[in-house]
C-alpha atoms as a PDB file:
ATOM      1  CA  MET A   1      85.584 158.891 118.025  1.00  0.00           C
ATOM      2  CA  ILE A   2      86.196 162.377 120.167  1.00  0.00           C
ATOM      3  CA  ASP A   3      89.035 164.381 118.907  1.00  0.00           C
ATOM      4  CA  ARG A   4      89.962 165.575 122.515  1.00  0.00           C
ATOM      5  CA  ALA A   5      92.692 167.887 121.216  1.00  0.00           C
ATOM      6  CA  GLY A   6      90.508 169.184 118.351  1.00  0.00           C
ATOM      7  CA  LEU A   7      87.845 169.745 120.928  1.00  0.00           C
ATOM      8  CA  ALA A   8      89.852 171.671 123.412  1.00  0.00           C
ATOM      9  CA  GLU A   9      91.272 173.784 120.903  1.00  0.00           C
ATOM     10  CA  PHE A  10      87.987 174.602 119.374  1.00  0.00           C
ATOM     11  CA  LEU A  11      86.578 175.155 122.868  1.00  0.00           C
ATOM     12  CA  ARG A  12      89.317 177.706 123.891  1.00  0.00           C
ATOM     13  CA  SER A  13      89.200 179.461 120.723  1.00  0.00           C
ATOM     14  CA  ARG A  14      85.538 180.288 120.679  1.00  0.00           C
ATOM     15  CA  ARG A  15      85.809 181.293 124.447  1.00  0.00           C
ATOM     16  CA  GLU A  16      88.616 183.948 123.752  1.00  0.00           C
ATOM     17  CA  SER A  17      86.830 185.195 120.929  1.00  0.00           C
ATOM     18  CA  LEU A  18      83.616 185.752 122.677  1.00  0.00           C
ATOM     19  CA  GLN A  19      82.934 189.060 124.528  1.00  0.00           C
ATOM     20  CA  PRO A  20      81.026 189.769 127.616  1.00  0.00           C
ATOM     21  CA  GLU A  21      79.042 191.887 126.160  1.00  0.00           C
ATOM     22  CA  ASP A  22      78.085 189.439 123.448  1.00  0.00           C
ATOM     23  CA  ALA A  23      76.735 187.137 125.934  1.00  0.00           C
ATOM     24  CA  GLY A  24      74.914 189.734 128.166  1.00  0.00           C
ATOM     25  CA  LEU A  25      77.339 189.954 131.043  1.00  0.00           C
ATOM     26  CA  PRO A  26      79.055 192.901 132.272  1.00  0.00           C
ATOM     27  CA  ARG A  27      82.773 193.445 131.428  1.00  0.00           C
ATOM     28  CA  GLY A  28      84.293 194.981 134.553  1.00  0.00           C
ATOM     29  CA  GLN A  29      87.231 197.113 135.119  1.00  0.00           C
ATOM     30  CA  ARG A  30      90.022 194.472 135.648  1.00  0.00           C
ATOM     31  CA  ARG A  31      89.178 191.917 133.051  1.00  0.00           C
ATOM     32  CA  ARG A  32      92.608 190.718 131.713  1.00  0.00           C
ATOM     33  CA  THR A  33      91.286 187.479 130.086  1.00  0.00           C
ATOM     34  CA  ALA A  34      90.974 187.423 126.302  1.00  0.00           C
ATOM     35  CA  GLY A  35      87.371 187.119 125.839  1.00  0.00           C
ATOM     36  CA  LEU A  36      85.370 185.316 128.454  1.00  0.00           C
ATOM     37  CA  ARG A  37      86.345 183.408 131.516  1.00  0.00           C
ATOM     38  CA  ARG A  38      86.287 179.482 131.906  1.00  0.00           C
ATOM     39  CA  GLU A  39      83.724 180.307 134.903  1.00  0.00           C
ATOM     40  CA  GLU A  40      81.420 182.573 132.855  1.00  0.00           C
ATOM     41  CA  VAL A  41      81.359 180.244 130.118  1.00  0.00           C
ATOM     42  CA  ALA A  42      80.420 177.347 132.432  1.00  0.00           C
ATOM     43  CA  THR A  43      77.828 179.430 134.082  1.00  0.00           C
ATOM     44  CA  LEU A  44      76.364 180.553 130.375  1.00  0.00           C
ATOM     45  CA  CYS A  45      76.123 176.369 129.682  1.00  0.00           C
ATOM     46  CA  HIS A  46      74.987 175.456 132.968  1.00  0.00           C
ATOM     47  CA  ILE A  47      77.500 173.306 133.773  1.00  0.00           C
ATOM     48  CA  SER A  48      80.228 173.346 136.434  1.00  0.00           C
ATOM     49  CA  THR A  49      83.526 175.286 135.644  1.00  0.00           C
ATOM     50  CA  ASP A  50      85.594 172.035 136.900  1.00  0.00           C
ATOM     51  CA  TYR A  51      83.923 169.960 133.978  1.00  0.00           C
ATOM     52  CA  TYR A  52      84.431 172.505 131.281  1.00  0.00           C
ATOM     53  CA  SER A  53      88.199 173.179 132.445  1.00  0.00           C
ATOM     54  CA  ARG A  54      88.793 169.620 132.186  1.00  0.00           C
ATOM     55  CA  LEU A  55      87.584 169.532 128.493  1.00  0.00           C
ATOM     56  CA  GLU A  56      89.818 172.522 127.589  1.00  0.00           C
ATOM     57  CA  ARG A  57      92.703 170.610 129.185  1.00  0.00           C
ATOM     58  CA  GLN A  58      91.697 167.329 126.978  1.00  0.00           C
ATOM     59  CA  ARG A  59      90.563 165.607 130.218  1.00  0.00           C
ATOM     60  CA  GLY A  60      87.280 164.491 131.604  1.00  0.00           C
ATOM     61  CA  PRO A  61      84.653 162.038 130.614  1.00  0.00           C
ATOM     62  CA  HIS A  62      83.233 161.755 127.039  1.00  0.00           C
ATOM     63  CA  PRO A  63      80.678 164.874 126.778  1.00  0.00           C
ATOM     64  CA  SER A  64      77.068 163.587 126.114  1.00  0.00           C
ATOM     65  CA  GLU A  65      75.028 165.084 123.151  1.00  0.00           C
ATOM     66  CA  GLN A  66      73.032 167.200 125.616  1.00  0.00           C
ATOM     67  CA  MET A  67      76.109 168.746 127.237  1.00  0.00           C
ATOM     68  CA  ILE A  68      77.739 169.774 123.795  1.00  0.00           C
ATOM     69  CA  ALA A  69      74.418 171.308 123.013  1.00  0.00           C
ATOM     70  CA  SER A  70      74.388 173.014 125.997  1.00  0.00           C
ATOM     71  CA  ILE A  71      77.976 174.186 125.492  1.00  0.00           C
ATOM     72  CA  ALA A  72      77.251 175.220 121.850  1.00  0.00           C
ATOM     73  CA  GLN A  73      74.613 177.407 123.082  1.00  0.00           C
ATOM     74  CA  GLY A  74      76.523 178.928 125.731  1.00  0.00           C
ATOM     75  CA  LEU A  75      79.121 179.848 123.667  1.00  0.00           C
ATOM     76  CA  HIS A  76      76.625 181.438 120.975  1.00  0.00           C
ATOM     77  CA  LEU A  77      78.021 179.102 118.387  1.00  0.00           C
ATOM     78  CA  SER A  78      76.472 179.279 114.759  1.00  0.00           C
ATOM     79  CA  LEU A  79      74.696 176.410 113.116  1.00  0.00           C
ATOM     80  CA  ASP A  80      78.028 175.519 111.319  1.00  0.00           C
ATOM     81  CA  GLU A  81      80.160 175.959 114.514  1.00  0.00           C
ATOM     82  CA  ARG A  82      77.627 173.949 116.518  1.00  0.00           C
ATOM     83  CA  ASP A  83      77.702 171.094 114.009  1.00  0.00           C
ATOM     84  CA  HIS A  84      81.801 171.124 113.704  1.00  0.00           C
ATOM     85  CA  LEU A  85      81.692 170.823 117.889  1.00  0.00           C
ATOM     86  CA  PHE A  86      79.513 167.990 117.828  1.00  0.00           C
ATOM     87  CA  ARG A  87      81.677 166.276 115.453  1.00  0.00           C
ATOM     88  CA  LEU A  88      84.837 166.826 117.217  1.00  0.00           C
ATOM     89  CA  ALA A  89      83.139 165.395 120.584  1.00  0.00           C
ATOM     90  CA  GLY A  90      82.182 162.128 118.495  1.00  0.00           C
ATOM     91  CA  HIS A  91      78.526 162.898 117.878  1.00  0.00           C
ATOM     92  CA  ASN A  92      76.446 163.400 114.628  1.00  0.00           C
ATOM     93  CA  PRO A  93      75.268 166.968 114.503  1.00  0.00           C
ATOM     94  CA  PRO A  94      71.335 167.458 115.330  1.00  0.00           C
ATOM     95  CA  ALA A  95      68.978 168.370 112.535  1.00  0.00           C
ATOM     96  CA  ARG A  96      68.491 171.816 111.521  1.00  0.00           C
ATOM     97  CA  GLY A  97      65.594 173.817 110.735  1.00  0.00           C
ATOM     98  CA  ALA A  98      62.007 173.804 112.288  1.00  0.00           C
ATOM     99  CA  ILE A  99      62.791 171.081 114.871  1.00  0.00           C
ATOM    100  CA  SER A 100      66.149 172.503 116.044  1.00  0.00           C
ATOM    101  CA  GLU A 101      66.476 174.161 119.418  1.00  0.00           C
ATOM    102  CA  HIS A 102      69.662 175.711 118.817  1.00  0.00           C
ATOM    103  CA  ILE A 103      69.258 179.641 118.688  1.00  0.00           C
ATOM    104  CA  SER A 104      71.026 181.539 116.697  1.00  0.00           C
ATOM    105  CA  PRO A 105      73.850 184.175 117.878  1.00  0.00           C
ATOM    106  CA  GLY A 106      72.233 186.965 116.567  1.00  0.00           C
ATOM    107  CA  LEU A 107      68.880 186.178 118.007  1.00  0.00           C
ATOM    108  CA  LEU A 108      70.701 185.536 121.449  1.00  0.00           C
ATOM    109  CA  ARG A 109      72.416 188.837 121.095  1.00  0.00           C
ATOM    110  CA  ILE A 110      69.621 190.631 120.951  1.00  0.00           C
ATOM    111  CA  PHE A 111      67.887 188.584 123.625  1.00  0.00           C
ATOM    112  CA  ASP A 112      70.792 189.089 126.187  1.00  0.00           C
ATOM    113  CA  ARG A 113      70.101 192.842 126.128  1.00  0.00           C
ATOM    114  CA  LEU A 114      66.155 192.609 127.315  1.00  0.00           C
ATOM    115  CA  THR A 115      67.221 192.320 130.710  1.00  0.00           C
ATOM    116  CA  ASP A 116      64.332 194.666 132.312  1.00  0.00           C
ATOM    117  CA  THR A 117      61.429 193.408 130.040  1.00  0.00           C
ATOM    118  CA  PRO A 118      59.628 190.117 129.824  1.00  0.00           C
ATOM    119  CA  ALA A 119      60.870 188.403 126.661  1.00  0.00           C
ATOM    120  CA  GLU A 120      61.294 184.916 125.276  1.00  0.00           C
ATOM    121  CA  ILE A 121      62.639 182.889 122.646  1.00  0.00           C
ATOM    122  CA  VAL A 122      60.211 179.875 121.483  1.00  0.00           C
ATOM    123  CA  THR A 123      59.719 177.377 119.003  1.00  0.00           C
ATOM    124  CA  GLU A 124      57.030 177.460 116.171  1.00  0.00           C
ATOM    125  CA  LEU A 125      54.857 175.242 118.406  1.00  0.00           C
ATOM    126  CA  GLY A 126      55.487 177.424 121.321  1.00  0.00           C
ATOM    127  CA  GLU A 127      57.961 175.995 123.268  1.00  0.00           C
ATOM    128  CA  ALA A 128      59.839 178.249 125.559  1.00  0.00           C
ATOM    129  CA  LEU A 129      63.966 178.048 125.000  1.00  0.00           C
ATOM    130  CA  ARG A 130      64.832 180.886 126.821  1.00  0.00           C
ATOM    131  CA  GLN A 131      63.231 183.591 129.243  1.00  0.00           C
ATOM    132  CA  THR A 132      64.207 186.826 130.782  1.00  0.00           C
ATOM    133  CA  PRO A 133      64.048 186.890 134.556  1.00  0.00           C
ATOM    134  CA  PRO A 134      61.199 189.517 134.092  1.00  0.00           C
ATOM    135  CA  ALA A 135      59.264 186.708 131.664  1.00  0.00           C
ATOM    136  CA  VAL A 136      59.934 184.013 134.350  1.00  0.00           C
ATOM    137  CA  ALA A 137      57.973 186.795 136.843  1.00  0.00           C
ATOM    138  CA  LEU A 138      55.273 187.218 134.516  1.00  0.00           C
ATOM    139  CA  THR A 139      54.401 183.743 133.441  1.00  0.00           C
ATOM    140  CA  GLY A 140      56.713 181.551 135.537  1.00  0.00           C
ATOM    141  CA  ASP A 141      59.328 179.234 134.685  1.00  0.00           C
ATOM    142  CA  THR A 142      57.747 177.604 131.311  1.00  0.00           C
ATOM    143  CA  THR A 143      61.243 176.144 130.383  1.00  0.00           C
ATOM    144  CA  ARG A 144      60.891 173.455 132.777  1.00  0.00           C
ATOM    145  CA  TYR A 145      58.207 171.469 130.906  1.00  0.00           C
ATOM    146  CA  THR A 146      58.902 168.102 129.278  1.00  0.00           C
ATOM    147  CA  GLY A 147      57.196 166.030 126.545  1.00  0.00           C
ATOM    148  CA  PRO A 148      53.859 167.366 124.636  1.00  0.00           C
ATOM    149  CA  ALA A 149      53.325 169.694 127.824  1.00  0.00           C
ATOM    150  CA  ARG A 150      56.445 171.863 126.623  1.00  0.00           C
ATOM    151  CA  SER A 151      54.116 173.254 123.907  1.00  0.00           C
ATOM    152  CA  ILE A 152      51.796 176.246 125.367  1.00  0.00           C
ATOM    153  CA  GLY A 153      49.004 175.457 123.050  1.00  0.00           C
ATOM    154  CA  TYR A 154      49.141 171.741 124.577  1.00  0.00           C
ATOM    155  CA  ARG A 155      48.856 173.033 128.054  1.00  0.00           C
ATOM    156  CA  TRP A 156      46.207 175.362 127.007  1.00  0.00           C
ATOM    157  CA  PHE A 157      43.751 172.595 126.269  1.00  0.00           C
ATOM    158  CA  THR A 158      45.007 170.136 128.909  1.00  0.00           C
ATOM    159  CA  ASP A 159      46.329 171.870 131.993  1.00  0.00           C
ATOM    160  CA  PRO A 160      43.563 174.217 133.490  1.00  0.00           C
ATOM    161  CA  ASP A 161      46.425 175.985 135.759  1.00  0.00           C
ATOM    162  CA  THR A 162      47.674 177.249 132.318  1.00  0.00           C
ATOM    163  CA  ARG A 163      44.644 179.366 132.024  1.00  0.00           C
ATOM    164  CA  ALA A 164      44.856 181.126 135.215  1.00  0.00           C
ATOM    165  CA  LEU A 165      47.216 183.473 134.272  1.00  0.00           C
ATOM    166  CA  TYR A 166      45.199 185.058 131.270  1.00  0.00           C
ATOM    167  CA  HIS A 167      41.876 187.305 131.632  1.00  0.00           C
ATOM    168  CA  PRO A 168      38.667 184.536 131.414  1.00  0.00           C
ATOM    169  CA  ASP A 169      37.011 186.862 128.567  1.00  0.00           C
ATOM    170  CA  ASP A 170      40.127 186.024 126.347  1.00  0.00           C
ATOM    171  CA  HIS A 171      40.314 182.487 126.813  1.00  0.00           C
ATOM    172  CA  ALA A 172      37.824 181.573 123.757  1.00  0.00           C
ATOM    173  CA  LEU A 173      40.139 183.703 121.631  1.00  0.00           C
ATOM    174  CA  HIS A 174      43.288 182.045 122.895  1.00  0.00           C
ATOM    175  CA  SER A 175      41.709 178.689 121.993  1.00  0.00           C
ATOM    176  CA  ARG A 176      40.937 179.734 118.410  1.00  0.00           C
ATOM    177  CA  VAL A 177      44.313 181.137 117.953  1.00  0.00           C
ATOM    178  CA  PHE A 178      46.357 177.866 119.151  1.00  0.00           C
ATOM    179  CA  ALA A 179      44.229 175.724 117.063  1.00  0.00           C
ATOM    180  CA  SER A 180      44.459 177.989 113.828  1.00  0.00           C
ATOM    181  CA  GLY A 181      48.011 178.118 114.464  1.00  0.00           C
ATOM    182  CA  LEU A 182      48.573 174.286 114.831  1.00  0.00           C
ATOM    183  CA  ARG A 183      46.186 173.807 111.477  1.00  0.00           C
ATOM    184  CA  LYS A 184      48.878 175.776 109.569  1.00  0.00           C
ATOM    185  CA  LEU A 185      51.655 174.084 111.329  1.00  0.00           C
ATOM    186  CA  VAL A 186      50.503 170.603 110.361  1.00  0.00           C
ATOM    187  CA  THR A 187      49.531 171.717 106.931  1.00  0.00           C
ATOM    188  CA  LEU A 188      53.145 172.879 106.433  1.00  0.00           C
ATOM    189  CA  ARG A 189      55.131 170.338 108.159  1.00  0.00           C
ATOM    190  CA  GLY A 190      53.356 167.092 107.058  1.00  0.00           C
ATOM    191  CA  PRO A 191      51.505 164.209 108.830  1.00  0.00           C
ATOM    192  CA  GLU A 192      54.857 163.009 110.400  1.00  0.00           C
ATOM    193  CA  SER A 193      55.689 166.155 112.118  1.00  0.00           C
ATOM    194  CA  ARG A 194      55.684 167.009 115.589  1.00  0.00           C
ATOM    195  CA  ALA A 195      52.997 169.166 115.129  1.00  0.00           C
ATOM    196  CA  ALA A 196      50.707 166.312 113.734  1.00  0.00           C
ATOM    197  CA  HIS A 197      51.922 164.534 116.921  1.00  0.00           C
ATOM    198  CA  LEU A 198      50.478 167.186 119.141  1.00  0.00           C
ATOM    199  CA  LEU A 199      47.388 167.353 116.980  1.00  0.00           C
ATOM    200  CA  ASP A 200      46.733 163.474 117.438  1.00  0.00           C
ATOM    201  CA  LEU A 201      47.260 163.767 121.248  1.00  0.00           C
ATOM    202  CA  LEU A 202      44.894 166.854 121.444  1.00  0.00           C
ATOM    203  CA  LEU A 203      42.052 165.421 119.386  1.00  0.00           C
ATOM    204  CA  ALA A 204      42.355 162.239 121.688  1.00  0.00           C
ATOM    205  CA  GLY A 205      42.599 164.282 125.166  1.00  0.00           C
ATOM    206  CA  SER A 206      40.457 167.324 124.614  1.00  0.00           C
ATOM    207  CA  GLU A 207      36.648 167.658 123.800  1.00  0.00           C
ATOM    208  CA  GLU A 208      37.159 171.526 123.612  1.00  0.00           C
ATOM    209  CA  PHE A 209      39.914 171.334 120.955  1.00  0.00           C
ATOM    210  CA  ARG A 210      37.938 168.988 118.934  1.00  0.00           C
ATOM    211  CA  GLY A 211      35.164 171.606 118.735  1.00  0.00           C
ATOM    212  CA  VAL A 212      37.576 174.318 117.991  1.00  0.00           C
ATOM    213  CA  TRP A 213      39.469 172.270 115.793  1.00  0.00           C
ATOM    214  CA  ASN A 214      36.326 171.378 113.650  1.00  0.00           C
ATOM    215  CA  GLU A 215      35.510 175.185 112.986  1.00  0.00           C
ATOM    216  CA  HIS A 216      38.404 175.004 110.425  1.00  0.00           C
ATOM    217  CA  GLU A 217      39.900 178.331 111.222  1.00  0.00           C
ATOM    218  CA  ILE A 218      42.980 179.616 109.723  1.00  0.00           C
ATOM    219  CA  GLY A 219      44.866 182.828 110.378  1.00  0.00           C
ATOM    220  CA  VAL A 220      43.136 183.467 113.528  1.00  0.00           C
ATOM    221  CA  ALA A 221      45.267 186.288 115.649  1.00  0.00           C
ATOM    222  CA  TYR A 222      45.344 188.408 118.759  1.00  0.00           C
ATOM    223  CA  ASN A 223      44.252 192.191 118.342  1.00  0.00           C
ATOM    224  CA  GLY A 224      48.071 193.165 119.521  1.00  0.00           C
ATOM    225  CA  VAL A 225      47.093 193.243 123.326  1.00  0.00           C
ATOM    226  CA  LYS A 226      47.256 190.416 125.762  1.00  0.00           C
ATOM    227  CA  ARG A 227      45.703 190.695 128.769  1.00  0.00           C
ATOM    228  CA  TYR A 228      47.253 189.116 131.969  1.00  0.00           C
ATOM    229  CA  VAL A 229      45.674 188.353 135.550  1.00  0.00           C
ATOM    230  CA  HIS A 230      49.014 188.170 137.720  1.00  0.00           C
ATOM    231  CA  PRO A 231      48.869 186.375 141.024  1.00  0.00           C
ATOM    232  CA  GLU A 232      51.013 189.293 142.642  1.00  0.00           C
ATOM    233  CA  VAL A 233      50.531 192.376 140.361  1.00  0.00           C
ATOM    234  CA  GLY A 234      47.008 191.983 139.436  1.00  0.00           C
ATOM    235  CA  ALA A 235      45.782 192.799 135.991  1.00  0.00           C
ATOM    236  CA  LEU A 236      48.197 193.833 133.123  1.00  0.00           C
ATOM    237  CA  GLU A 237      47.503 194.565 129.512  1.00  0.00           C
ATOM    238  CA  LEU A 238      50.756 194.046 127.412  1.00  0.00           C
ATOM    239  CA  THR A 239      51.571 194.487 123.974  1.00  0.00           C
ATOM    240  CA  CYS A 240      53.383 191.568 122.080  1.00  0.00           C
ATOM    241  CA  GLN A 241      56.024 192.160 119.382  1.00  0.00           C
ATOM    242  CA  THR A 242      57.620 189.251 117.724  1.00  0.00           C
ATOM    243  CA  LEU A 243      60.627 188.927 115.727  1.00  0.00           C
ATOM    244  CA  LEU A 244      60.950 185.616 113.514  1.00  0.00           C
ATOM    245  CA  ASP A 245      64.244 183.512 112.793  1.00  0.00           C
ATOM    246  CA  PRO A 246      63.378 182.220 109.729  1.00  0.00           C
ATOM    247  CA  GLY A 247      66.152 179.766 109.532  1.00  0.00           C
ATOM    248  CA  GLN A 248      65.321 178.100 112.885  1.00  0.00           C
ATOM    249  CA  SER A 249      61.489 179.055 112.888  1.00  0.00           C
ATOM    250  CA  HIS A 250      62.058 180.538 116.461  1.00  0.00           C
ATOM    251  CA  LEU A 251      60.384 183.429 117.649  1.00  0.00           C
ATOM    252  CA  LEU A 252      61.343 186.428 119.945  1.00  0.00           C
ATOM    253  CA  LEU A 253      58.307 187.477 122.040  1.00  0.00           C
ATOM    254  CA  VAL A 254      59.020 190.868 123.804  1.00  0.00           C
ATOM    255  CA  TYR A 255      56.314 192.189 126.117  1.00  0.00           C
ATOM    256  CA  THR A 256      55.842 196.072 126.626  1.00  0.00           C
ATOM    257  CA  ALA A 257      53.232 198.485 128.216  1.00  0.00           C
ATOM    258  CA  VAL A 258      52.246 201.995 127.272  1.00  0.00           C
ATOM    259  CA  PRO A 259      54.443 204.017 129.057  1.00  0.00           C
ATOM    260  CA  GLY A 260      52.684 205.775 132.107  1.00  0.00           C
ATOM    261  CA  SER A 261      50.282 203.319 132.195  1.00  0.00           C
ATOM    262  CA  GLU A 262      49.309 201.019 135.063  1.00  0.00           C
ATOM    263  CA  SER A 263      50.271 198.057 133.652  1.00  0.00           C
ATOM    264  CA  HIS A 264      53.695 199.808 132.554  1.00  0.00           C
ATOM    265  CA  GLU A 265      54.453 200.281 136.248  1.00  0.00           C
ATOM    266  CA  LYS A 266      53.539 196.986 137.159  1.00  0.00           C
ATOM    267  CA  LEU A 267      56.034 195.578 134.750  1.00  0.00           C
ATOM    268  CA  ARG A 268      58.840 197.580 136.488  1.00  0.00           C
ATOM    269  CA  LEU A 269      57.771 195.826 139.719  1.00  0.00           C
ATOM    270  CA  LEU A 270      57.831 192.524 137.651  1.00  0.00           C
ATOM    271  CA  SER A 271      61.566 193.422 136.760  1.00  0.00           C
ATOM    272  CA  VAL A 272      62.422 193.678 140.598  1.00  0.00           C
ATOM    273  CA  ILE A 273      60.666 190.412 140.880  1.00  0.00           C
ATOM    274  CA  GLY A 274      62.559 189.004 138.058  1.00  0.00           C
ATOM    275  CA  ALA A 275      65.863 190.238 139.486  1.00  0.00           C
ATOM    276  CA  GLN A 276      65.518 187.825 142.491  1.00  0.00           C
ATOM    277  CA  HIS A 277      65.565 185.015 140.046  1.00  0.00           C
ATOM    278  CA  ILE A 278      68.571 185.626 139.083  1.00  0.00           C
ATOM    279  CA  THR A 279      70.253 186.207 142.550  1.00  0.00           C
ATOM    280  CA  SER A 280      68.759 182.587 143.667  1.00  0.00           C
ATOM    281  CA  ARG A 281      70.030 180.978 140.616  1.00  0.00           C
ATOM    282  CA  VAL A 282      72.735 178.200 140.998  1.00  0.00           C
ATOM    283  CA  PRO A 283      73.991 176.539 137.752  1.00  0.00           C
ATOM    284  CA  PRO A 284      73.570 172.621 138.048  1.00  0.00           C
ATOM    285  CA  THR A 285      76.900 170.632 138.157  1.00  0.00           C
ATOM    286  CA  ALA A 286      77.729 168.323 135.406  1.00  0.00           C
END
């Protein structure tokens, strides 16, 4: 059963304790509100200001699990705080660990500061959870996929359009990396895991994957540079740096180019293109 008073009080306290800088927002010169404004939280949670305001006023409909998960992420809650929020809303908390999609506050704070470079937070299966605007400009909005297609490894073997962004000479290496990585996860997570489910789908649906899988490779990795063929800016050579959150098995991927190089200049152009995604975004209503 929902605890409306407790939910409202907890939301208000978390909103007032979260500073604009913590969420990658500008503070401005006339801020009088302690913490964030309701409309700022609503934007971060991808819900309407009216809906969020009603929750703080102990009104409105019973929020769904999906809505509570979005609010928990928008407020940069820790896992313990997230679980508490779910219980206040009358829901059982989601599972933790490898299958959780709740991004830790620390990882989000780093991500929120990477506004001028392609960066993304992905699950161990390569499912995009967050992208910076330059990352969207580089690869498209990969958070939009649903089902198995959320995994880039699955898309690589089932959707020819996925390969168009990468240099053709590197396609064979990408296939080996994805198959090798999936082999590691299936062994680590077990036969009932999501990784094992993806394996079954790929074995049934991709002849190429079956051939690569049968090589039994493990530990195949990139040489530090990924080559892209972007439809607007052309060829790029980018280095991918990875930060692992071991508690949630999430990866923060940051793409950079050698200063002064042609790819570096093209990344600057992608940042301009990415800024256009920000101005064109309109948060959905609840």
